[in-house]
């Protein structure tokens, strides 16, 4: 019997999404005779029943296109903005799922999308997810599609900033995306020859960074490139965040809603201050070293444009594997990368976890071996 498949893309746009959509749709139609529809703008489109047929011309010529032809949003099924309120719309989404006689719903996204997809799985939908994010922080997979493209972009930016830093004898601080993990900043920093790399997994001491830069100047190197992950923070800020998170856990255990709300606000305030920390760090380094310092925030340029060949290949492999798993009746899983293979991982093993850079990871050791300062 013909199987009917739905696809949606949620969270931030990421290079390779269209390649993954194409992989699922083409393999589903050509190999297994499936009928495939897409839901526009993530979970909101599932709620509103806004669909597009994914067949023929709709999935031709999209392999190299950035972004997602389906559109995306960060709306959550259980907290959907409706009429000025945030409502649980999972039952409405289940109705849409049943209306189209879907045999499975494929959700393409990062950590947040994995959580939201799991909620729909618990509602009774057959769910398969694919791991996408430039941050490379989804648990239980070696890599996510989108990461390689962003790594190339961030590395090229650092390459280009070298000439300005060298010509003007400056410190150039480059803020790289990555959310709360340092994969992107670490990879781009090592690849681009950064002199200092700061990541969330290793809280930094600004004095140590300044010492390393001053030593470079004594050695005749009158410029420095500092690659900073957007989630990096000082030792002091990291301690404040841990204390606030401990307060949240204590309040939750005690069932004290008022204290929990206050502690969560404290966490949000610290995280908001962290957003401005790159500018503060730049000012501190200028004051401590006497070198003119400038900051460059790469921002959303890292997630735009044409996906790299590596990401096109990876997204296509994951998409075709997804179609095969649906054909075999395997649901409630994320299609994960394990070495050269892909395999299904139960969603409950993915949800609520984040893949951080291990302190003993080879990239960290490589950085230290070539003389990079990691702020500790």
Protein backbone atom coordinates (compact mmCIF):
# COMPACT_ATOMS: atom_id res chain seq x y z
CA UNK A 1 0.00 0.00 0.00
CA UNK A 2 1.14 3.56 -0.71
CA UNK A 3 2.57 5.34 2.32
CA UNK A 4 1.91 9.03 2.90
CA UNK A 5 4.74 11.08 4.39
CA UNK A 6 4.82 14.62 5.77
CA UNK A 7 7.98 16.74 6.13
CA UNK A 8 8.63 19.96 8.03
CA UNK A 9 11.71 22.05 8.82
CA UNK A 10 11.89 23.87 12.16
CA UNK A 11 14.27 26.11 14.09
CA UNK A 12 16.98 28.18 12.43
CA UNK A 13 17.60 27.79 8.72
CA UNK A 14 20.65 25.67 7.95
CA UNK A 15 22.58 24.82 4.77
CA UNK A 16 21.56 21.37 3.54
CA UNK A 17 17.88 21.46 4.50
CA UNK A 18 16.75 21.41 0.88
CA UNK A 19 19.16 18.58 0.11
CA UNK A 20 17.61 16.57 2.95
CA UNK A 21 14.05 17.33 1.81
CA UNK A 22 15.04 16.24 -1.69
CA UNK A 23 16.66 13.06 -0.37
CA UNK A 24 13.59 12.00 1.60
CA UNK A 25 11.16 12.88 -1.18
CA UNK A 26 13.07 11.39 -4.12
CA UNK A 27 13.96 8.15 -2.34
CA UNK A 28 10.44 7.91 -0.96
CA UNK A 29 8.82 8.35 -4.36
CA UNK A 30 11.31 6.62 -6.66
CA UNK A 31 12.25 3.63 -4.53
CA UNK A 32 9.24 3.04 -2.28
CA UNK A 33 6.32 4.61 -4.15
CA UNK A 34 5.47 7.02 -1.34
CA UNK A 35 3.44 10.22 -1.57
CA UNK A 36 5.11 13.16 0.13
CA UNK A 37 3.80 16.52 1.32
CA UNK A 38 5.59 19.36 3.07
CA UNK A 39 4.24 21.58 5.84
CA UNK A 40 5.15 25.24 5.54
CA UNK A 41 6.94 27.16 8.30
CA UNK A 42 7.60 24.35 10.71
CA UNK A 43 5.13 23.23 13.36
CA UNK A 44 2.98 26.30 12.68
CA UNK A 45 2.23 24.97 9.19
CA UNK A 46 1.29 21.61 10.68
CA UNK A 47 -1.15 23.36 13.01
CA UNK A 48 -2.63 25.50 10.23
CA UNK A 49 -2.63 22.68 7.66
CA UNK A 50 -0.60 24.63 5.09
CA UNK A 51 0.90 22.10 2.73
CA UNK A 52 2.72 21.73 -0.56
CA UNK A 53 3.12 18.60 -2.66
CA UNK A 54 6.76 17.47 -2.81
CA UNK A 55 6.97 15.83 -6.19
CA UNK A 56 8.32 16.49 -9.68
CA UNK A 57 9.48 20.05 -10.15
CA UNK A 58 9.05 20.89 -6.45
CA UNK A 59 12.05 18.77 -5.50
CA UNK A 60 14.13 19.29 -8.64
CA UNK A 61 16.94 21.84 -8.66
CA UNK A 62 16.89 22.44 -4.90
CA UNK A 63 20.02 20.48 -3.96
CA UNK A 64 22.31 23.52 -4.05
CA UNK A 65 19.86 26.09 -2.70
CA UNK A 66 20.41 27.44 0.83
CA UNK A 67 17.66 27.80 3.41
CA UNK A 68 14.51 25.72 3.11
CA UNK A 69 11.84 25.76 0.41
CA UNK A 70 9.28 24.91 3.11
CA UNK A 71 10.11 27.87 5.33
CA UNK A 72 10.74 27.54 9.04
CA UNK A 73 9.80 28.95 12.43
CA UNK A 74 10.74 28.48 16.07
CA UNK A 75 7.16 27.88 17.22
CA UNK A 76 6.69 25.05 19.72
CA UNK A 77 3.70 22.70 19.47
CA UNK A 78 2.86 22.97 23.17
CA UNK A 79 3.43 26.76 23.34
CA UNK A 80 2.08 27.98 20.03
CA UNK A 81 1.37 31.74 19.81
CA UNK A 82 -2.36 32.00 19.08
CA UNK A 83 -4.41 35.15 19.62
CA UNK A 84 -1.86 36.72 21.91
CA UNK A 85 -1.57 33.60 24.06
CA UNK A 86 0.65 30.52 24.00
CA UNK A 87 -1.49 27.41 23.71
CA UNK A 88 -0.90 23.68 23.51
CA UNK A 89 -1.83 22.87 19.90
CA UNK A 90 -0.55 19.30 19.75
CA UNK A 91 -4.08 17.89 19.45
CA UNK A 92 -4.76 20.19 16.49
CA UNK A 93 -1.56 18.97 14.86
CA UNK A 94 -2.60 15.38 15.45
CA UNK A 95 -5.87 16.15 13.65
CA UNK A 96 -3.91 17.49 10.66
CA UNK A 97 -1.71 14.39 10.69
CA UNK A 98 -4.79 12.14 10.62
CA UNK A 99 -6.57 14.27 8.02
CA UNK A 100 -3.79 13.60 5.51
CA UNK A 101 -3.64 9.89 6.44
CA UNK A 102 0.04 10.24 7.17
CA UNK A 103 2.05 7.14 7.92
CA UNK A 104 4.94 9.23 9.25
CA UNK A 105 6.03 12.81 9.89
CA UNK A 106 9.67 13.74 9.23
CA UNK A 107 11.01 16.65 11.30
CA UNK A 108 14.29 18.30 10.30
CA UNK A 109 15.89 20.31 13.06
CA UNK A 110 18.27 20.80 15.96
CA UNK A 111 17.92 20.10 19.66
CA UNK A 112 14.70 22.08 20.10
CA UNK A 113 13.07 20.37 17.14
CA UNK A 114 14.03 16.96 18.53
CA UNK A 115 12.17 17.84 21.77
CA UNK A 116 9.11 19.11 19.92
CA UNK A 117 9.04 16.09 17.62
CA UNK A 118 9.21 13.84 20.68
CA UNK A 119 6.08 15.53 22.06
CA UNK A 120 4.25 14.66 18.85
CA UNK A 121 5.56 11.10 19.08
CA UNK A 122 4.00 10.88 22.53
CA UNK A 123 0.71 12.08 21.02
CA UNK A 124 0.68 9.02 18.77
CA UNK A 125 2.32 10.21 15.55
CA UNK A 126 4.95 8.13 13.77
CA UNK A 127 8.00 10.40 13.89
CA UNK A 128 11.44 10.29 12.28
CA UNK A 129 13.88 13.19 12.69
CA UNK A 130 17.06 14.33 10.97
CA UNK A 131 19.80 16.25 12.87
CA UNK A 132 20.53 19.67 11.42
CA UNK A 133 22.31 22.65 12.95
CA UNK A 134 25.43 24.66 12.29
CA UNK A 135 26.21 24.30 16.03
CA UNK A 136 26.87 20.52 15.73
CA UNK A 137 25.42 20.08 19.24
CA UNK A 138 22.70 17.44 18.69
CA UNK A 139 23.32 14.44 20.92
CA UNK A 140 23.91 10.87 19.69
CA UNK A 141 25.20 11.78 16.22
CA UNK A 142 28.79 12.31 15.13
CA UNK A 143 27.89 15.36 13.10
CA UNK A 144 24.91 17.43 11.97
CA UNK A 145 24.36 18.71 8.45
CA UNK A 146 24.96 22.44 8.15
CA UNK A 147 28.05 22.35 10.35
CA UNK A 148 30.55 21.89 7.54
CA UNK A 149 29.22 24.84 5.54
CA UNK A 150 29.28 27.13 8.57
CA UNK A 151 32.78 25.92 9.42
CA UNK A 152 33.96 26.87 5.94
CA UNK A 153 32.36 30.31 6.16
CA UNK A 154 33.75 31.08 9.63
CA UNK A 155 37.21 29.86 8.63
CA UNK A 156 37.23 32.04 5.51
CA UNK A 157 36.22 35.04 7.61
CA UNK A 158 39.12 34.45 10.00
CA UNK A 159 41.45 34.05 7.00
CA UNK A 160 40.37 37.42 5.64
CA UNK A 161 40.68 39.19 9.00
CA UNK A 162 44.33 38.19 9.29
CA UNK A 163 45.39 40.80 6.73
CA UNK A 164 43.66 43.65 8.56
CA UNK A 165 44.98 42.53 11.96
CA UNK A 166 48.52 42.24 10.57
CA UNK A 167 48.47 45.52 8.64
CA UNK A 168 47.17 47.60 11.56
CA UNK A 169 48.88 45.69 14.39
CA UNK A 170 45.53 45.05 15.99
CA UNK A 171 43.72 42.50 18.04
CA UNK A 172 40.74 41.28 16.06
CA UNK A 173 38.07 39.52 18.13
CA UNK A 174 35.82 37.35 15.94
CA UNK A 175 32.55 36.12 17.42
CA UNK A 176 31.45 32.80 15.94
CA UNK A 177 28.05 31.14 16.37
CA UNK A 178 27.61 27.86 18.21
CA UNK A 179 24.98 28.55 20.88
CA UNK A 180 26.23 26.85 24.07
CA UNK A 181 28.90 24.67 22.47
CA UNK A 182 32.28 25.43 20.97
CA UNK A 183 32.48 23.12 17.95
CA UNK A 184 32.25 25.91 15.38
CA UNK A 185 34.61 28.38 17.06
CA UNK A 186 37.13 25.66 17.86
CA UNK A 187 37.09 24.15 14.37
CA UNK A 188 37.23 27.51 12.60
CA UNK A 189 39.82 28.85 15.03
CA UNK A 190 42.21 25.97 14.48
CA UNK A 191 41.57 25.93 10.72
CA UNK A 192 41.95 29.69 10.40
CA UNK A 193 45.06 29.97 12.57
CA UNK A 194 43.51 31.94 15.44
CA UNK A 195 45.89 32.76 18.28
CA UNK A 196 43.23 32.58 20.98
CA UNK A 197 40.10 30.40 20.94
CA UNK A 198 37.41 30.78 23.59
CA UNK A 199 34.61 28.22 23.90
CA UNK A 200 31.79 27.66 26.43
CA UNK A 201 33.29 24.40 27.65
CA UNK A 202 36.41 26.21 28.96
CA UNK A 203 35.59 29.39 30.95
CA UNK A 204 38.29 31.98 30.38
CA UNK A 205 40.33 34.40 32.44
CA UNK A 206 40.87 37.63 30.53
CA UNK A 207 44.24 38.18 32.21
CA UNK A 208 45.51 34.88 30.77
CA UNK A 209 44.42 35.94 27.29
CA UNK A 210 46.11 39.33 27.66
CA UNK A 211 49.32 37.63 28.85
CA UNK A 212 49.37 35.39 25.79
CA UNK A 213 48.86 38.36 23.45
CA UNK A 214 51.56 40.43 25.19
CA UNK A 215 53.95 37.49 24.89
CA UNK A 216 53.23 37.34 21.16
CA UNK A 217 54.19 41.01 20.91
CA UNK A 218 57.45 40.34 22.77
CA UNK A 219 58.11 37.62 20.20
CA UNK A 220 57.71 40.17 17.41
CA UNK A 221 54.10 39.36 16.47
CA UNK A 222 52.17 42.61 16.69
CA UNK A 223 48.69 41.30 16.01
CA UNK A 224 46.39 38.57 17.31
CA UNK A 225 43.20 36.87 16.18
CA UNK A 226 40.80 35.88 18.96
CA UNK A 227 38.02 33.46 17.92
CA UNK A 228 35.18 33.57 20.46
CA UNK A 229 32.15 31.30 20.55
CA UNK A 230 28.96 33.25 21.21
CA UNK A 231 28.43 31.09 24.32
CA UNK A 232 31.89 31.63 25.80
CA UNK A 233 32.06 33.24 29.22
CA UNK A 234 34.51 34.23 31.89
CA UNK A 235 35.21 32.07 34.93
CA UNK A 236 33.22 34.49 37.08
CA UNK A 237 30.20 34.53 34.79
CA UNK A 238 30.27 30.74 34.46
CA UNK A 239 30.16 30.41 38.26
CA UNK A 240 27.21 32.81 38.50
CA UNK A 241 25.37 30.81 35.86
CA UNK A 242 26.04 27.51 37.67
CA UNK A 243 24.80 29.02 40.93
CA UNK A 244 21.62 30.30 39.26
CA UNK A 245 20.97 26.94 37.59
CA UNK A 246 21.44 25.24 40.97
CA UNK A 247 18.83 27.60 42.43
CA UNK A 248 16.40 26.56 39.67
CA UNK A 249 16.99 22.87 40.42
CA UNK A 250 16.54 23.40 44.16
CA UNK A 251 13.29 25.33 43.65
CA UNK A 252 11.96 22.65 41.29
CA UNK A 253 12.76 19.91 43.79
CA UNK A 254 11.00 21.87 46.54
CA UNK A 255 8.02 22.66 44.31
CA UNK A 256 8.48 26.38 44.98
CA UNK A 257 7.10 28.00 41.81
CA UNK A 258 7.87 31.55 42.93
CA UNK A 259 11.51 30.77 43.70
CA UNK A 260 11.82 28.79 40.47
CA UNK A 261 10.52 31.75 38.45
CA UNK A 262 12.96 34.14 40.15
CA UNK A 263 15.90 31.77 39.63
CA UNK A 264 15.00 31.25 35.96
CA UNK A 265 14.93 35.02 35.48
CA UNK A 266 18.40 35.19 37.02
CA UNK A 267 19.60 32.59 34.49
CA UNK A 268 18.08 34.60 31.63
CA UNK A 269 19.72 37.80 32.88
CA UNK A 270 23.14 36.14 32.98
CA UNK A 271 22.66 34.70 29.50
CA UNK A 272 21.59 38.13 28.22
CA UNK A 273 24.74 39.67 29.72
CA UNK A 274 26.79 37.00 27.96
CA UNK A 275 25.52 38.27 24.60
CA UNK A 276 27.34 41.54 25.24
CA UNK A 277 30.44 39.88 26.67
CA UNK A 278 32.34 39.87 23.35
CA UNK A 279 32.33 43.67 23.22
CA UNK A 280 33.35 43.84 26.87
CA UNK A 281 36.16 41.35 26.29
CA UNK A 282 37.45 43.42 23.37
CA UNK A 283 37.57 46.57 25.49
CA UNK A 284 39.35 44.71 28.30
CA UNK A 285 41.98 43.29 25.97
CA UNK A 286 42.72 46.74 24.52
CA UNK A 287 43.16 48.16 28.01
CA UNK A 288 45.34 45.29 29.25
CA UNK A 289 47.59 44.98 26.19
CA UNK A 290 47.75 48.51 24.83
CA UNK A 291 46.92 47.16 21.36
CA UNK A 292 44.11 48.64 19.32
CA UNK A 293 41.26 46.09 19.32
CA UNK A 294 38.29 45.56 17.04
CA UNK A 295 35.37 43.14 17.16
CA UNK A 296 33.71 41.37 14.23
CA UNK A 297 30.48 39.46 14.82
CA UNK A 298 29.88 37.05 11.94
CA UNK A 299 26.23 36.47 12.84
CA UNK A 300 23.76 34.91 10.44
CA UNK A 301 26.12 35.03 7.47
CA UNK A 302 27.45 31.72 8.82
CA UNK A 303 24.20 29.88 8.18
CA UNK A 304 23.36 31.30 4.75
CA UNK A 305 24.18 30.56 1.16
CA UNK A 306 24.98 27.45 -0.83
CA UNK A 307 25.65 24.29 1.22
CA UNK A 308 29.07 22.72 0.90
CA UNK A 309 29.50 19.43 -1.00
CA UNK A 310 30.04 17.69 2.34
CA UNK A 311 26.70 18.95 3.67
CA UNK A 312 24.88 18.14 0.43
CA UNK A 313 26.19 14.59 0.54
CA UNK A 314 25.45 14.16 4.26
CA UNK A 315 21.92 15.59 4.05
CA UNK A 316 21.13 13.44 1.02
CA UNK A 317 22.42 10.30 2.76
CA UNK A 318 20.34 11.05 5.86
CA UNK A 319 17.26 11.81 3.75
CA UNK A 320 17.42 8.59 1.76
CA UNK A 321 18.08 6.57 4.94
CA UNK A 322 15.03 8.24 6.48
CA UNK A 323 12.83 7.04 3.60
CA UNK A 324 14.18 3.53 4.00
CA UNK A 325 13.45 3.49 7.75
CA UNK A 326 9.88 4.64 7.14
CA UNK A 327 9.44 1.91 4.55
CA UNK A 328 10.68 -0.61 7.13
CA UNK A 329 8.29 0.74 9.77
CA UNK A 330 10.97 2.16 12.07
CA UNK A 331 9.63 5.20 13.93
CA UNK A 332 10.36 7.26 17.04
CA UNK A 333 13.98 7.67 15.99
CA UNK A 334 16.53 10.20 14.81
CA UNK A 335 18.68 9.22 11.84
CA UNK A 336 22.18 9.57 13.29
CA UNK A 337 25.66 9.58 11.75
CA UNK A 338 28.00 6.94 13.15
CA UNK A 339 31.34 6.88 11.37
CA UNK A 340 30.67 6.18 7.69
CA UNK A 341 27.24 4.72 8.46
CA UNK A 342 23.87 6.10 9.48
CA UNK A 343 21.63 4.41 12.01
CA UNK A 344 18.39 5.04 13.90
CA UNK A 345 18.67 6.24 17.51
CA UNK A 346 15.59 6.31 19.79
CA UNK A 347 14.46 9.89 20.28
CA UNK A 348 14.38 9.52 24.07
CA UNK A 349 18.16 9.12 23.95
CA UNK A 350 18.50 12.43 22.09
CA UNK A 351 15.97 14.70 23.78
CA UNK A 352 17.26 16.83 26.64
CA UNK A 353 20.93 16.21 25.90
CA UNK A 354 23.53 18.45 24.28
CA UNK A 355 26.73 17.34 22.59
CA UNK A 356 29.45 19.58 24.00
CA UNK A 357 33.14 19.53 23.13
CA UNK A 358 34.81 17.02 25.50
CA UNK A 359 37.76 18.56 27.31
CA UNK A 360 39.94 15.71 26.06
CA UNK A 361 38.83 16.07 22.44
CA UNK A 362 41.62 15.90 19.83
CA UNK A 363 40.73 19.36 18.49
CA UNK A 364 41.44 20.87 21.92
CA UNK A 365 44.76 19.05 22.21
CA UNK A 366 45.67 20.09 18.67
CA UNK A 367 44.96 23.73 19.51
CA UNK A 368 47.16 23.57 22.60
CA UNK A 369 49.95 21.81 20.70
CA UNK A 370 50.22 24.62 18.13
CA UNK A 371 50.34 27.24 20.87
CA UNK A 372 46.74 28.48 20.88
CA UNK A 373 45.61 30.13 24.12
CA UNK A 374 42.26 28.74 25.30
CA UNK A 375 41.85 31.30 28.08
CA UNK A 376 42.54 28.92 30.95
